[in-house]
Amino acid sequence: MDLTEQRHFPARMAMLAETAAFVEGFCARHGLSRDAALRITLIVEELFTNTIAHGFKGESDTLIGVGLTRHGDHVG
């Protein structure tokens, strides 16, 4: 069974901590190791900041969707 969660965050660097907390919470709720949670959080943080800097060319109120799915031993 796939376990999916998603949230949307304004494209603002001030939302980075909340975005990371969402990822960490997902990992905790779905029994992922601390090491896996740290790696996944880093990836999402990089994607989030790059979307703001390079995708939107700066901060805005446009929403960035973050979705995570656990399928067996994998997260996507």
Protein backbone atom coordinates (compact mmCIF):
# COMPACT_ATOMS: atom_id res chain seq x y z
CA MET A 1 0.00 0.00 0.00
CA ASP A 2 1.24 3.50 -0.88
CA LEU A 3 1.22 6.08 1.90
CA THR A 4 1.02 9.61 0.46
CA GLU A 5 0.97 13.03 2.08
CA GLN A 6 1.18 16.43 0.48
CA ARG A 7 1.24 20.09 1.49
CA HIS A 8 1.64 23.43 -0.21
CA PHE A 9 3.93 26.21 0.98
CA PRO A 10 4.33 29.82 -0.21
CA ALA A 11 7.53 30.28 -2.21
CA ARG A 12 9.28 32.11 0.62
CA MET A 13 12.54 31.19 2.31
CA ALA A 14 10.83 31.77 5.67
CA MET A 15 8.79 28.62 4.91
CA LEU A 16 11.87 26.39 4.67
CA ALA A 17 11.72 25.31 8.33
CA GLU A 18 8.02 24.46 8.03
CA THR A 19 8.70 22.50 4.86
CA ALA A 20 11.47 20.55 6.61
CA ALA A 21 9.17 19.87 9.57
CA PHE A 22 6.57 18.42 7.19
CA VAL A 23 9.16 16.05 5.70
CA GLU A 24 10.53 15.06 9.10
CA GLY A 25 7.01 14.42 10.36
CA PHE A 26 6.20 12.26 7.33
CA CYS A 27 9.34 10.21 7.93
CA ALA A 28 8.54 9.77 11.63
CA ARG A 29 4.92 8.79 10.97
CA HIS A 30 5.99 6.20 8.42
CA GLY A 31 8.82 4.62 10.42
CA LEU A 32 11.78 5.81 8.36
CA SER A 33 15.21 5.83 9.98
CA ARG A 34 16.78 9.07 11.20
CA ASP A 35 19.45 8.74 8.49
CA ALA A 36 16.82 8.37 5.75
CA ALA A 37 14.83 11.29 7.16
CA LEU A 38 17.90 13.54 7.09
CA ARG A 39 18.66 12.62 3.48
CA ILE A 40 15.08 13.13 2.33
CA THR A 41 14.82 16.45 4.19
CA LEU A 42 18.04 17.70 2.56
CA ILE A 43 16.75 16.76 -0.90
CA VAL A 44 13.42 18.53 -0.36
CA GLU A 45 15.16 21.61 1.08
CA GLU A 46 17.39 21.82 -2.00
CA LEU A 47 14.44 21.42 -4.36
CA PHE A 48 12.44 24.03 -2.43
CA THR A 49 15.21 26.66 -2.39
CA ASN A 50 16.13 26.02 -6.05
CA THR A 51 12.49 26.39 -7.06
CA ILE A 52 12.36 29.79 -5.38
CA ALA A 53 15.74 31.00 -6.66
CA HIS A 54 15.73 29.60 -10.17
CA GLY A 55 12.16 28.63 -10.95
CA PHE A 56 10.36 31.72 -9.66
CA LYS A 57 13.43 34.01 -9.76
CA GLY A 58 12.74 35.08 -6.19
CA GLU A 59 10.22 34.83 -3.41
CA SER A 60 6.49 35.07 -4.07
CA ASP A 61 3.14 33.96 -2.72
CA THR A 62 2.95 31.27 -5.39
CA LEU A 63 2.51 27.86 -3.76
CA ILE A 64 5.07 25.09 -4.00
CA GLY A 65 3.58 21.63 -3.64
CA VAL A 66 5.54 19.02 -1.72
CA GLY A 67 4.28 15.47 -1.95
CA LEU A 68 5.84 12.36 -0.45
CA THR A 69 4.83 8.76 -1.02
CA ARG A 70 6.13 5.73 0.80
CA HIS A 71 5.90 2.58 -1.26
CA GLY A 72 7.45 -0.32 0.62
CA ASP A 73 11.04 0.65 1.40
CA HIS A 74 11.08 3.58 -1.03
CA VAL A 75 10.03 7.22 -0.76
CA GLY A 76 9.27 9.30 -3.80
